[in-house]
PDB file of N, CA and C in Angstrom:
ATOM      1  N   MET A   1       0.841  -1.179   0.000  1.00  0.00           N
ATOM      2  CA  MET A   1       0.000   0.000   0.000  1.00  0.00           C
ATOM      3  C   MET A   1       0.891   1.249   0.000  1.00  0.00           C
ATOM      4  N   PRO A   2       0.606   2.223  -0.875  1.00  0.00           N
ATOM      5  CA  PRO A   2       1.446   3.428  -0.916  1.00  0.00           C
ATOM      6  C   PRO A   2       1.294   4.251   0.359  1.00  0.00           C
ATOM      7  N   ALA A   3       2.360   4.987   0.673  1.00  0.00           N
ATOM      8  CA  ALA A   3       2.337   5.845   1.863  1.00  0.00           C
ATOM      9  C   ALA A   3       1.266   6.919   1.698  1.00  0.00           C
ATOM     10  N   HIS A   4       0.701   7.332   2.799  1.00  0.00           N
ATOM     11  CA  HIS A   4      -0.320   8.380   2.781  1.00  0.00           C
ATOM     12  C   HIS A   4       0.297   9.674   2.271  1.00  0.00           C
ATOM     13  N   LYS A   5      -0.463  10.427   1.520  1.00  0.00           N
ATOM     14  CA  LYS A   5       0.026  11.674   0.918  1.00  0.00           C
ATOM     15  C   LYS A   5       0.559  12.664   1.956  1.00  0.00           C
ATOM     16  N   ILE A   6      -0.065  12.700   3.136  1.00  0.00           N
ATOM     17  CA  ILE A   6       0.369  13.656   4.165  1.00  0.00           C
ATOM     18  C   ILE A   6       1.811  13.395   4.606  1.00  0.00           C
ATOM     19  N   PHE A   7       2.270  12.150   4.516  1.00  0.00           N
ATOM     20  CA  PHE A   7       3.633  11.814   4.952  1.00  0.00           C
ATOM     21  C   PHE A   7       4.677  12.585   4.155  1.00  0.00           C
ATOM     22  N   THR A   8       4.393  12.804   2.869  1.00  0.00           N
ATOM     23  CA  THR A   8       5.358  13.481   1.997  1.00  0.00           C
ATOM     24  C   THR A   8       5.033  14.962   1.798  1.00  0.00           C
ATOM     25  N   THR A   9       4.016  15.435   2.483  1.00  0.00           N
ATOM     26  CA  THR A   9       3.662  16.856   2.425  1.00  0.00           C
ATOM     27  C   THR A   9       4.635  17.639   3.296  1.00  0.00           C
ATOM     28  N   PRO A  10       5.178  18.745   2.779  1.00  0.00           N
ATOM     29  CA  PRO A  10       6.077  19.550   3.606  1.00  0.00           C
ATOM     30  C   PRO A  10       5.347  20.102   4.840  1.00  0.00           C
ATOM     31  N   PHE A  11       5.969  19.944   5.994  1.00  0.00           N
ATOM     32  CA  PHE A  11       5.414  20.493   7.231  1.00  0.00           C
ATOM     33  C   PHE A  11       5.187  21.998   7.067  1.00  0.00           C
ATOM     34  N   ALA A  12       6.097  22.670   6.370  1.00  0.00           N
ATOM     35  CA  ALA A  12       6.011  24.119   6.170  1.00  0.00           C
ATOM     36  C   ALA A  12       4.744  24.529   5.419  1.00  0.00           C
ATOM     37  N   LYS A  13       4.160  23.611   4.663  1.00  0.00           N
ATOM     38  CA  LYS A  13       2.922  23.895   3.938  1.00  0.00           C
ATOM     39  C   LYS A  13       1.703  23.854   4.858  1.00  0.00           C
ATOM     40  N   VAL A  14       1.743  23.001   5.856  1.00  0.00           N
ATOM     41  CA  VAL A  14       0.613  22.818   6.761  1.00  0.00           C
ATOM     42  C   VAL A  14       0.707  23.757   7.966  1.00  0.00           C
ATOM     43  N   TYR A  15       1.923  24.070   8.370  1.00  0.00           N
ATOM     44  CA  TYR A  15       2.151  24.927   9.538  1.00  0.00           C
ATOM     45  C   TYR A  15       1.329  26.222   9.495  1.00  0.00           C
ATOM     46  N   PRO A  16       1.320  26.974   8.370  1.00  0.00           N
ATOM     47  CA  PRO A  16       0.514  28.209   8.349  1.00  0.00           C
ATOM     48  C   PRO A  16      -0.978  27.939   8.581  1.00  0.00           C
ATOM     49  N   MET A  17      -1.449  26.768   8.178  1.00  0.00           N
ATOM     50  CA  MET A  17      -2.857  26.418   8.405  1.00  0.00           C
ATOM     51  C   MET A  17      -3.134  26.191   9.886  1.00  0.00           C
ATOM     52  N   TYR A  18      -2.168  25.584  10.589  1.00  0.00           N
ATOM     53  CA  TYR A  18      -2.300  25.426  12.042  1.00  0.00           C
ATOM     54  C   TYR A  18      -2.397  26.810  12.699  1.00  0.00           C
ATOM     55  N   VAL A  19      -1.518  27.709  12.264  1.00  0.00           N
ATOM     56  CA  VAL A  19      -1.487  29.062  12.842  1.00  0.00           C
ATOM     57  C   VAL A  19      -2.794  29.799  12.533  1.00  0.00           C
ATOM     58  N   GLN A  20      -3.259  29.724  11.296  1.00  0.00           N
ATOM     59  CA  GLN A  20      -4.503  30.392  10.914  1.00  0.00           C
ATOM     60  C   GLN A  20      -5.682  29.861  11.723  1.00  0.00           C
ATOM     61  N   LYS A  21      -5.739  28.550  11.884  1.00  0.00           N
ATOM     62  CA  LYS A  21      -6.830  27.943  12.646  1.00  0.00           C
ATOM     63  C   LYS A  21      -6.847  28.495  14.074  1.00  0.00           C
ATOM     64  N   ALA A  22      -5.677  28.569  14.679  1.00  0.00           N
ATOM     65  CA  ALA A  22      -5.574  29.082  16.047  1.00  0.00           C
ATOM     66  C   ALA A  22      -5.915  30.572  16.104  1.00  0.00           C
ATOM     67  N   GLU A  23      -5.381  31.344  15.168  1.00  0.00           N
ATOM     68  CA  GLU A  23      -5.597  32.798  15.187  1.00  0.00           C
ATOM     69  C   GLU A  23      -7.055  33.169  14.943  1.00  0.00           C
ATOM     70  N   ARG A  24      -7.764  32.363  14.164  1.00  0.00           N
ATOM     71  CA  ARG A  24      -9.204  32.614  13.957  1.00  0.00           C
ATOM     72  C   ARG A  24      -9.969  32.522  15.266  1.00  0.00           C
ATOM     73  N   LYS A  25      -9.412  31.794  16.219  1.00  0.00           N
ATOM     74  CA  LYS A  25     -10.051  31.619  17.525  1.00  0.00           C
ATOM     75  C   LYS A  25      -9.332  32.412  18.621  1.00  0.00           C
ATOM     76  N   ASN A  26      -8.644  33.469  18.201  1.00  0.00           N
ATOM     77  CA  ASN A  26      -7.953  34.376  19.128  1.00  0.00           C
ATOM     78  C   ASN A  26      -6.830  33.725  19.918  1.00  0.00           C
ATOM     79  N   ARG A  27      -6.201  32.722  19.334  1.00  0.00           N
ATOM     80  CA  ARG A  27      -4.978  32.155  19.912  1.00  0.00           C
ATOM     81  C   ARG A  27      -3.818  32.679  19.068  1.00  0.00           C
ATOM     82  N   THR A  28      -2.591  32.415  19.494  1.00  0.00           N
ATOM     83  CA  THR A  28      -1.437  33.021  18.820  1.00  0.00           C
ATOM     84  C   THR A  28      -0.532  31.983  18.161  1.00  0.00           C
ATOM     85  N   LYS A  29       0.281  32.486  17.243  1.00  0.00           N
ATOM     86  CA  LYS A  29       1.309  31.670  16.600  1.00  0.00           C
ATOM     87  C   LYS A  29       2.261  31.115  17.661  1.00  0.00           C
ATOM     88  N   GLU A  30       2.564  31.936  18.670  1.00  0.00           N
ATOM     89  CA  GLU A  30       3.459  31.504  19.743  1.00  0.00           C
ATOM     90  C   GLU A  30       2.874  30.307  20.491  1.00  0.00           C
ATOM     91  N   GLU A  31       1.563  30.301  20.677  1.00  0.00           N
ATOM     92  CA  GLU A  31       0.920  29.164  21.347  1.00  0.00           C
ATOM     93  C   GLU A  31       0.966  27.914  20.477  1.00  0.00           C
ATOM     94  N   VAL A  32       0.789  28.095  19.173  1.00  0.00           N
ATOM     95  CA  VAL A  32       0.915  26.957  18.247  1.00  0.00           C
ATOM     96  C   VAL A  32       2.327  26.404  18.342  1.00  0.00           C
ATOM     97  N   ASP A  33       3.321  27.277  18.308  1.00  0.00           N
ATOM     98  CA  ASP A  33       4.719  26.847  18.412  1.00  0.00           C
ATOM     99  C   ASP A  33       4.977  26.123  19.731  1.00  0.00           C
ATOM    100  N   GLN A  34       4.397  26.632  20.811  1.00  0.00           N
ATOM    101  CA  GLN A  34       4.581  26.003  22.124  1.00  0.00           C
ATOM    102  C   GLN A  34       4.041  24.571  22.121  1.00  0.00           C
ATOM    103  N   VAL A  35       2.881  24.379  21.520  1.00  0.00           N
ATOM    104  CA  VAL A  35       2.263  23.053  21.442  1.00  0.00           C
ATOM    105  C   VAL A  35       3.142  22.115  20.602  1.00  0.00           C
ATOM    106  N   ILE A  36       3.632  22.608  19.468  1.00  0.00           N
ATOM    107  CA  ILE A  36       4.483  21.788  18.588  1.00  0.00           C
ATOM    108  C   ILE A  36       5.778  21.424  19.305  1.00  0.00           C
ATOM    109  N   ARG A  37       6.381  22.395  19.985  1.00  0.00           N
ATOM    110  CA  ARG A  37       7.636  22.130  20.699  1.00  0.00           C
ATOM    111  C   ARG A  37       7.408  21.140  21.843  1.00  0.00           C
ATOM    112  N   TRP A  38       6.286  21.261  22.541  1.00  0.00           N
ATOM    113  CA  TRP A  38       5.972  20.320  23.628  1.00  0.00           C
ATOM    114  C   TRP A  38       5.890  18.893  23.080  1.00  0.00           C
ATOM    115  N   LEU A  39       5.186  18.738  21.976  1.00  0.00           N
ATOM    116  CA  LEU A  39       4.991  17.407  21.397  1.00  0.00           C
ATOM    117  C   LEU A  39       6.294  16.798  20.893  1.00  0.00           C
ATOM    118  N   THR A  40       7.107  17.590  20.206  1.00  0.00           N
ATOM    119  CA  THR A  40       8.248  17.057  19.458  1.00  0.00           C
ATOM    120  C   THR A  40       9.611  17.222  20.124  1.00  0.00           C
ATOM    121  N   GLY A  41       9.715  18.128  21.067  1.00  0.00           N
ATOM    122  CA  GLY A  41      11.005  18.382  21.690  1.00  0.00           C
ATOM    123  C   GLY A  41      11.877  19.366  20.928  1.00  0.00           C
ATOM    124  N   TYR A  42      11.382  19.880  19.788  1.00  0.00           N
ATOM    125  CA  TYR A  42      12.153  20.910  19.080  1.00  0.00           C
ATOM    126  C   TYR A  42      12.242  22.163  19.941  1.00  0.00           C
ATOM    127  N   ASP A  43      13.379  22.857  19.844  1.00  0.00           N
ATOM    128  CA  ASP A  43      13.438  24.198  20.411  1.00  0.00           C
ATOM    129  C   ASP A  43      13.010  25.164  19.304  1.00  0.00           C
ATOM    130  N   GLU A  44      12.953  26.440  19.610  1.00  0.00           N
ATOM    131  CA  GLU A  44      12.482  27.424  18.628  1.00  0.00           C
ATOM    132  C   GLU A  44      13.324  27.384  17.352  1.00  0.00           C
ATOM    133  N   ALA A  45      14.651  27.331  17.507  1.00  0.00           N
ATOM    134  CA  ALA A  45      15.542  27.318  16.337  1.00  0.00           C
ATOM    135  C   ALA A  45      15.336  26.045  15.510  1.00  0.00           C
ATOM    136  N   GLY A  46      15.162  24.924  16.181  1.00  0.00           N
ATOM    137  CA  GLY A  46      14.954  23.661  15.472  1.00  0.00           C
ATOM    138  C   GLY A  46      13.649  23.661  14.693  1.00  0.00           C
ATOM    139  N   LEU A  47      12.599  24.218  15.287  1.00  0.00           N
ATOM    140  CA  LEU A  47      11.313  24.312  14.607  1.00  0.00           C
ATOM    141  C   LEU A  47      11.429  25.213  13.385  1.00  0.00           C
ATOM    142  N   ARG A  48      12.067  26.373  13.537  1.00  0.00           N
ATOM    143  CA  ARG A  48      12.263  27.294  12.404  1.00  0.00           C
ATOM    144  C   ARG A  48      13.067  26.619  11.281  1.00  0.00           C
ATOM    145  N   ARG A  49      14.079  25.846  11.669  1.00  0.00           N
ATOM    146  CA  ARG A  49      14.919  25.149  10.686  1.00  0.00           C
ATOM    147  C   ARG A  49      14.079  24.143   9.888  1.00  0.00           C
ATOM    148  N   GLN A  50      13.222  23.395  10.579  1.00  0.00           N
ATOM    149  CA  GLN A  50      12.359  22.426   9.896  1.00  0.00           C
ATOM    150  C   GLN A  50      11.450  23.126   8.885  1.00  0.00           C
ATOM    151  N   ILE A  51      10.929  24.276   9.275  1.00  0.00           N
ATOM    152  CA  ILE A  51      10.051  25.028   8.374  1.00  0.00           C
ATOM    153  C   ILE A  51      10.846  25.560   7.188  1.00  0.00           C
ATOM    154  N   LYS A  52      12.017  26.117   7.459  1.00  0.00           N
ATOM    155  CA  LYS A  52      12.851  26.692   6.391  1.00  0.00           C
ATOM    156  C   LYS A  52      13.309  25.620   5.402  1.00  0.00           C
ATOM    157  N   GLN A  53      13.648  24.444   5.914  1.00  0.00           N
ATOM    158  CA  GLN A  53      14.122  23.356   5.048  1.00  0.00           C
ATOM    159  C   GLN A  53      12.982  22.680   4.293  1.00  0.00           C
ATOM    160  N   GLU A  54      11.750  23.002   4.666  1.00  0.00           N
ATOM    161  CA  GLU A  54      10.565  22.429   4.039  1.00  0.00           C
ATOM    162  C   GLU A  54      10.574  20.904   4.077  1.00  0.00           C
ATOM    163  N   ASN A  55      10.993  20.359   5.218  1.00  0.00           N
ATOM    164  CA  ASN A  55      10.979  18.910   5.391  1.00  0.00           C
ATOM    165  C   ASN A  55       9.546  18.405   5.429  1.00  0.00           C
ATOM    166  N   ASP A  56       9.359  17.199   4.883  1.00  0.00           N
ATOM    167  CA  ASP A  56       8.029  16.611   4.913  1.00  0.00           C
ATOM    168  C   ASP A  56       7.715  16.112   6.329  1.00  0.00           C
ATOM    169  N   PHE A  57       6.464  15.704   6.547  1.00  0.00           N
ATOM    170  CA  PHE A  57       6.058  15.266   7.880  1.00  0.00           C
ATOM    171  C   PHE A  57       6.872  14.072   8.351  1.00  0.00           C
ATOM    172  N   GLU A  58       7.190  13.172   7.450  1.00  0.00           N
ATOM    173  CA  GLU A  58       7.983  12.003   7.840  1.00  0.00           C
ATOM    174  C   GLU A  58       9.332  12.430   8.401  1.00  0.00           C
ATOM    175  N   THR A  59      10.018  13.331   7.708  1.00  0.00           N
ATOM    176  CA  THR A  59      11.312  13.839   8.158  1.00  0.00           C
ATOM    177  C   THR A  59      11.158  14.692   9.410  1.00  0.00           C
ATOM    178  N   PHE A  60      10.126  15.527   9.443  1.00  0.00           N
ATOM    179  CA  PHE A  60       9.865  16.388  10.593  1.00  0.00           C
ATOM    180  C   PHE A  60       9.784  15.561  11.871  1.00  0.00           C
ATOM    181  N   PHE A  61       9.025  14.477  11.846  1.00  0.00           N
ATOM    182  CA  PHE A  61       8.893  13.659  13.052  1.00  0.00           C
ATOM    183  C   PHE A  61      10.107  12.758  13.267  1.00  0.00           C
ATOM    184  N   ALA A  62      10.739  12.297  12.186  1.00  0.00           N
ATOM    185  CA  ALA A  62      11.939  11.451  12.327  1.00  0.00           C
ATOM    186  C   ALA A  62      13.078  12.224  12.982  1.00  0.00           C
ATOM    187  N   GLN A  63      13.170  13.515  12.705  1.00  0.00           N
ATOM    188  CA  GLN A  63      14.245  14.338  13.255  1.00  0.00           C
ATOM    189  C   GLN A  63      13.870  15.007  14.581  1.00  0.00           C
ATOM    190  N   ALA A  64      12.646  14.799  15.035  1.00  0.00           N
ATOM    191  CA  ALA A  64      12.223  15.407  16.300  1.00  0.00           C
ATOM    192  C   ALA A  64      13.117  14.914  17.430  1.00  0.00           C
ATOM    193  N   PRO A  65      13.595  15.822  18.269  1.00  0.00           N
ATOM    194  CA  PRO A  65      14.498  15.424  19.357  1.00  0.00           C
ATOM    195  C   PRO A  65      13.912  14.331  20.262  1.00  0.00           C
ATOM    196  N   ARG A  66      12.625  14.465  20.584  1.00  0.00           N
ATOM    197  CA  ARG A  66      11.975  13.438  21.409  1.00  0.00           C
ATOM    198  C   ARG A  66      10.487  13.733  21.442  1.00  0.00           C
ATOM    199  N   MET A  67       9.697  12.688  21.417  1.00  0.00           N
ATOM    200  CA  MET A  67       8.259  12.878  21.606  1.00  0.00           C
ATOM    201  C   MET A  67       8.038  13.009  23.114  1.00  0.00           C
ATOM    202  N   HIS A  68       7.126  13.869  23.497  1.00  0.00           N
ATOM    203  CA  HIS A  68       6.863  14.095  24.921  1.00  0.00           C
ATOM    204  C   HIS A  68       6.401  12.795  25.582  1.00  0.00           C
ATOM    205  N   PRO A  69       6.870  12.519  26.798  1.00  0.00           N
ATOM    206  CA  PRO A  69       6.476  11.271  27.463  1.00  0.00           C
ATOM    207  C   PRO A  69       4.975  11.162  27.754  1.00  0.00           C
ATOM    208  N   ASN A  70       4.252  12.277  27.725  1.00  0.00           N
ATOM    209  CA  ASN A  70       2.819  12.237  28.016  1.00  0.00           C
ATOM    210  C   ASN A  70       1.938  12.142  26.768  1.00  0.00           C
ATOM    211  N   VAL A  71       2.517  11.770  25.626  1.00  0.00           N
ATOM    212  CA  VAL A  71       1.695  11.689  24.413  1.00  0.00           C
ATOM    213  C   VAL A  71       0.569  10.674  24.548  1.00  0.00           C
ATOM    214  N   SER A  72       0.751   9.678  25.382  1.00  0.00           N
ATOM    215  CA  SER A  72      -0.304   8.670  25.557  1.00  0.00           C
ATOM    216  C   SER A  72      -1.555   9.269  26.205  1.00  0.00           C
ATOM    217  N   LEU A  73      -1.419  10.467  26.775  1.00  0.00           N
ATOM    218  CA  LEU A  73      -2.567  11.137  27.381  1.00  0.00           C
ATOM    219  C   LEU A  73      -3.396  11.911  26.352  1.00  0.00           C
ATOM    220  N   ILE A  74      -2.899  11.999  25.112  1.00  0.00           N
ATOM    221  CA  ILE A  74      -3.645  12.682  24.056  1.00  0.00           C
ATOM    222  C   ILE A  74      -4.693  11.707  23.535  1.00  0.00           C
ATOM    223  N   LYS A  75      -5.935  12.032  23.794  1.00  0.00           N
ATOM    224  CA  LYS A  75      -7.044  11.166  23.405  1.00  0.00           C
ATOM    225  C   LYS A  75      -8.128  12.010  22.762  1.00  0.00           C
ATOM    226  N   GLY A  76      -8.949  11.369  21.972  1.00  0.00           N
ATOM    227  CA  GLY A  76     -10.064  12.074  21.362  1.00  0.00           C
ATOM    228  C   GLY A  76     -10.142  11.810  19.881  1.00  0.00           C
ATOM    229  N   VAL A  77     -11.017  12.551  19.226  1.00  0.00           N
ATOM    230  CA  VAL A  77     -11.314  12.325  17.820  1.00  0.00           C
ATOM    231  C   VAL A  77     -10.836  13.506  16.984  1.00  0.00           C
ATOM    232  N   VAL A  78     -10.172  13.182  15.870  1.00  0.00           N
ATOM    233  CA  VAL A  78      -9.773  14.172  14.867  1.00  0.00           C
ATOM    234  C   VAL A  78     -10.217  13.608  13.527  1.00  0.00           C
ATOM    235  N   CYS A  79     -10.989  14.376  12.793  1.00  0.00           N
ATOM    236  CA  CYS A  79     -11.497  13.944  11.484  1.00  0.00           C
ATOM    237  C   CYS A  79     -12.213  12.591  11.585  1.00  0.00           C
ATOM    238  N   GLY A  80     -12.936  12.400  12.667  1.00  0.00           N
ATOM    239  CA  GLY A  80     -13.697  11.172  12.843  1.00  0.00           C
ATOM    240  C   GLY A  80     -12.887   9.959  13.253  1.00  0.00           C
ATOM    241  N   ILE A  81     -11.621  10.166  13.581  1.00  0.00           N
ATOM    242  CA  ILE A  81     -10.730   9.053  13.936  1.00  0.00           C
ATOM    243  C   ILE A  81     -10.212   9.251  15.360  1.00  0.00           C
ATOM    244  N   ARG A  82     -10.297   8.207  16.173  1.00  0.00           N
ATOM    245  CA  ARG A  82      -9.760   8.264  17.537  1.00  0.00           C
ATOM    246  C   ARG A  82      -8.241   8.227  17.452  1.00  0.00           C
ATOM    247  N   VAL A  83      -7.580   9.273  17.961  1.00  0.00           N
ATOM    248  CA  VAL A  83      -6.120   9.366  17.843  1.00  0.00           C
ATOM    249  C   VAL A  83      -5.411   8.232  18.569  1.00  0.00           C
ATOM    250  N   GLU A  84      -6.001   7.752  19.661  1.00  0.00           N
ATOM    251  CA  GLU A  84      -5.347   6.688  20.415  1.00  0.00           C
ATOM    252  C   GLU A  84      -5.459   5.325  19.735  1.00  0.00           C
ATOM    253  N   GLU A  85      -6.268   5.225  18.677  1.00  0.00           N
ATOM    254  CA  GLU A  85      -6.439   3.950  17.968  1.00  0.00           C
ATOM    255  C   GLU A  85      -5.735   3.908  16.619  1.00  0.00           C
ATOM    256  N   VAL A  86      -5.071   4.994  16.233  1.00  0.00           N
ATOM    257  CA  VAL A  86      -4.360   5.029  14.952  1.00  0.00           C
ATOM    258  C   VAL A  86      -3.187   4.051  15.028  1.00  0.00           C
ATOM    259  N   GLU A  87      -3.115   3.129  14.064  1.00  0.00           N
ATOM    260  CA  GLU A  87      -2.098   2.076  14.115  1.00  0.00           C
ATOM    261  C   GLU A  87      -0.751   2.502  13.552  1.00  0.00           C
ATOM    262  N   ASP A  88      -0.747   3.283  12.479  1.00  0.00           N
ATOM    263  CA  ASP A  88       0.513   3.707  11.874  1.00  0.00           C
ATOM    264  C   ASP A  88       1.179   4.741  12.789  1.00  0.00           C
ATOM    265  N   PRO A  89       2.415   4.478  13.237  1.00  0.00           N
ATOM    266  CA  PRO A  89       3.078   5.392  14.184  1.00  0.00           C
ATOM    267  C   PRO A  89       3.222   6.828  13.674  1.00  0.00           C
ATOM    268  N   LEU A  90       3.555   7.001  12.392  1.00  0.00           N
ATOM    269  CA  LEU A  90       3.703   8.355  11.852  1.00  0.00           C
ATOM    270  C   LEU A  90       2.348   9.045  11.772  1.00  0.00           C
ATOM    271  N   MET A  91       1.339   8.348  11.305  1.00  0.00           N
ATOM    272  CA  MET A  91       0.005   8.941  11.226  1.00  0.00           C
ATOM    273  C   MET A  91      -0.488   9.310  12.619  1.00  0.00           C
ATOM    274  N   GLN A  92      -0.167   8.502  13.612  1.00  0.00           N
ATOM    275  CA  GLN A  92      -0.592   8.818  14.977  1.00  0.00           C
ATOM    276  C   GLN A  92       0.058  10.117  15.456  1.00  0.00           C
ATOM    277  N   LYS A  93       1.335  10.302  15.143  1.00  0.00           N
ATOM    278  CA  LYS A  93       2.018  11.537  15.537  1.00  0.00           C
ATOM    279  C   LYS A  93       1.369  12.747  14.873  1.00  0.00           C
ATOM    280  N   ILE A  94       1.023  12.605  13.604  1.00  0.00           N
ATOM    281  CA  ILE A  94       0.363  13.696  12.882  1.00  0.00           C
ATOM    282  C   ILE A  94      -0.994  13.984  13.511  1.00  0.00           C
ATOM    283  N   ARG A  95      -1.725  12.939  13.846  1.00  0.00           N
ATOM    284  CA  ARG A  95      -3.049  13.110  14.480  1.00  0.00           C
ATOM    285  C   ARG A  95      -2.923  13.728  15.869  1.00  0.00           C
ATOM    286  N   TRP A  96      -1.875  13.360  16.614  1.00  0.00           N
ATOM    287  CA  TRP A  96      -1.645  13.994  17.918  1.00  0.00           C
ATOM    288  C   TRP A  96      -1.487  15.499  17.742  1.00  0.00           C
ATOM    289  N   LEU A  97      -0.676  15.878  16.760  1.00  0.00           N
ATOM    290  CA  LEU A  97      -0.451  17.300  16.495  1.00  0.00           C
ATOM    291  C   LEU A  97      -1.761  17.979  16.101  1.00  0.00           C
ATOM    292  N   ASP A  98      -2.520  17.344  15.225  1.00  0.00           N
ATOM    293  CA  ASP A  98      -3.820  17.893  14.823  1.00  0.00           C
ATOM    294  C   ASP A  98      -4.723  18.088  16.043  1.00  0.00           C
ATOM    295  N   LYS A  99      -4.746  17.107  16.919  1.00  0.00           N
ATOM    296  CA  LYS A  99      -5.599  17.159  18.108  1.00  0.00           C
ATOM    297  C   LYS A  99      -5.192  18.309  19.027  1.00  0.00           C
ATOM    298  N   LEU A 100      -3.888  18.485  19.224  1.00  0.00           N
ATOM    299  CA  LEU A 100      -3.406  19.572  20.078  1.00  0.00           C
ATOM    300  C   LEU A 100      -3.788  20.936  19.504  1.00  0.00           C
ATOM    301  N   VAL A 101      -3.645  21.102  18.196  1.00  0.00           N
ATOM    302  CA  VAL A 101      -4.010  22.374  17.561  1.00  0.00           C
ATOM    303  C   VAL A 101      -5.522  22.572  17.644  1.00  0.00           C
ATOM    304  N   ASP A 102      -6.298  21.504  17.481  1.00  0.00           N
ATOM    305  CA  ASP A 102      -7.758  21.597  17.638  1.00  0.00           C
ATOM    306  C   ASP A 102      -8.121  22.068  19.041  1.00  0.00           C
ATOM    307  N   GLU A 103      -7.480  21.482  20.037  1.00  0.00           N
ATOM    308  CA  GLU A 103      -7.769  21.870  21.422  1.00  0.00           C
ATOM    309  C   GLU A 103      -7.423  23.341  21.660  1.00  0.00           C
ATOM    310  N   LEU A 104      -6.316  23.775  21.085  1.00  0.00           N
ATOM    311  CA  LEU A 104      -5.914  25.176  21.202  1.00  0.00           C
ATOM    312  C   LEU A 104      -6.983  26.075  20.575  1.00  0.00           C
ATOM    313  N   ALA A 105      -7.423  25.720  19.374  1.00  0.00           N
ATOM    314  CA  ALA A 105      -8.421  26.522  18.664  1.00  0.00           C
ATOM    315  C   ALA A 105      -9.772  26.517  19.378  1.00  0.00           C
ATOM    316  N   LYS A 106     -10.039  25.472  20.131  1.00  0.00           N
ATOM    317  CA  LYS A 106     -11.310  25.391  20.857  1.00  0.00           C
ATOM    318  C   LYS A 106     -11.267  26.136  22.188  1.00  0.00           C
ATOM    319  N   GLY A 107     -10.130  26.764  22.486  1.00  0.00           N
ATOM    320  CA  GLY A 107     -10.037  27.590  23.672  1.00  0.00           C
ATOM    321  C   GLY A 107      -9.644  26.865  24.943  1.00  0.00           C
ATOM    322  N   LYS A 108      -9.195  25.634  24.805  1.00  0.00           N
ATOM    323  CA  LYS A 108      -8.786  24.868  25.981  1.00  0.00           C
ATOM    324  C   LYS A 108      -7.571  25.535  26.642  1.00  0.00           C
ATOM    325  N   ALA A 109      -7.498  25.446  27.949  1.00  0.00           N
ATOM    326  CA  ALA A 109      -6.371  26.031  28.685  1.00  0.00           C
ATOM    327  C   ALA A 109      -5.068  25.328  28.309  1.00  0.00           C
ATOM    328  N   MET A 110      -4.002  26.095  28.196  1.00  0.00           N
ATOM    329  CA  MET A 110      -2.698  25.549  27.786  1.00  0.00           C
ATOM    330  C   MET A 110      -2.248  24.428  28.718  1.00  0.00           C
ATOM    331  N   GLU A 111      -2.491  24.547  30.013  1.00  0.00           N
ATOM    332  CA  GLU A 111      -2.073  23.497  30.964  1.00  0.00           C
ATOM    333  C   GLU A 111      -2.739  22.160  30.622  1.00  0.00           C
ATOM    334  N   LYS A 112      -3.996  22.219  30.178  1.00  0.00           N
ATOM    335  CA  LYS A 112      -4.707  20.994  29.816  1.00  0.00           C
ATOM    336  C   LYS A 112      -4.198  20.444  28.481  1.00  0.00           C
ATOM    337  N   ILE A 113      -3.949  21.331  27.540  1.00  0.00           N
ATOM    338  CA  ILE A 113      -3.424  20.907  26.236  1.00  0.00           C
ATOM    339  C   ILE A 113      -2.082  20.203  26.412  1.00  0.00           C
ATOM    340  N   LEU A 114      -1.241  20.763  27.278  1.00  0.00           N
ATOM    341  CA  LEU A 114       0.100  20.211  27.500  1.00  0.00           C
ATOM    342  C   LEU A 114       0.100  19.103  28.547  1.00  0.00           C
ATOM    343  N   ARG A 115      -1.073  18.642  28.902  1.00  0.00           N
ATOM    344  CA  ARG A 115      -1.231  17.487  29.811  1.00  0.00           C
ATOM    345  C   ARG A 115      -0.437  17.665  31.090  1.00  0.00           C
ATOM    346  N   GLN A 116      -0.583  18.833  31.743  1.00  0.00           N
ATOM    347  CA  GLN A 116       0.145  19.114  32.983  1.00  0.00           C
ATOM    348  C   GLN A 116      -0.738  18.894  34.197  1.00  0.00           C
TER     349      GLN A 116
END
């Protein structure tokens, strides 16, 4: 079976959509970045580098310094799919990110989004 199209999509192409989604709900780009850094372990410079290099999602997650130890606490539905039931490891990481940005856009408190 061929890899899902999102795997080869540049992260830099989707990133502005995450920011727009959050900003439409009065959240900030900085909050989107905070959520991404929490999930992946990138620092600000590392995140900017990934965007500048236009790495695809597969590379973006493969080069992530570390996934947060609390990712198993990310639960819920994104696009009709339960994130905790996604079998493909890369797709699950993408869905985790989608879920975190959704929670941000829905006005959830940052402490809850970051599973603190």
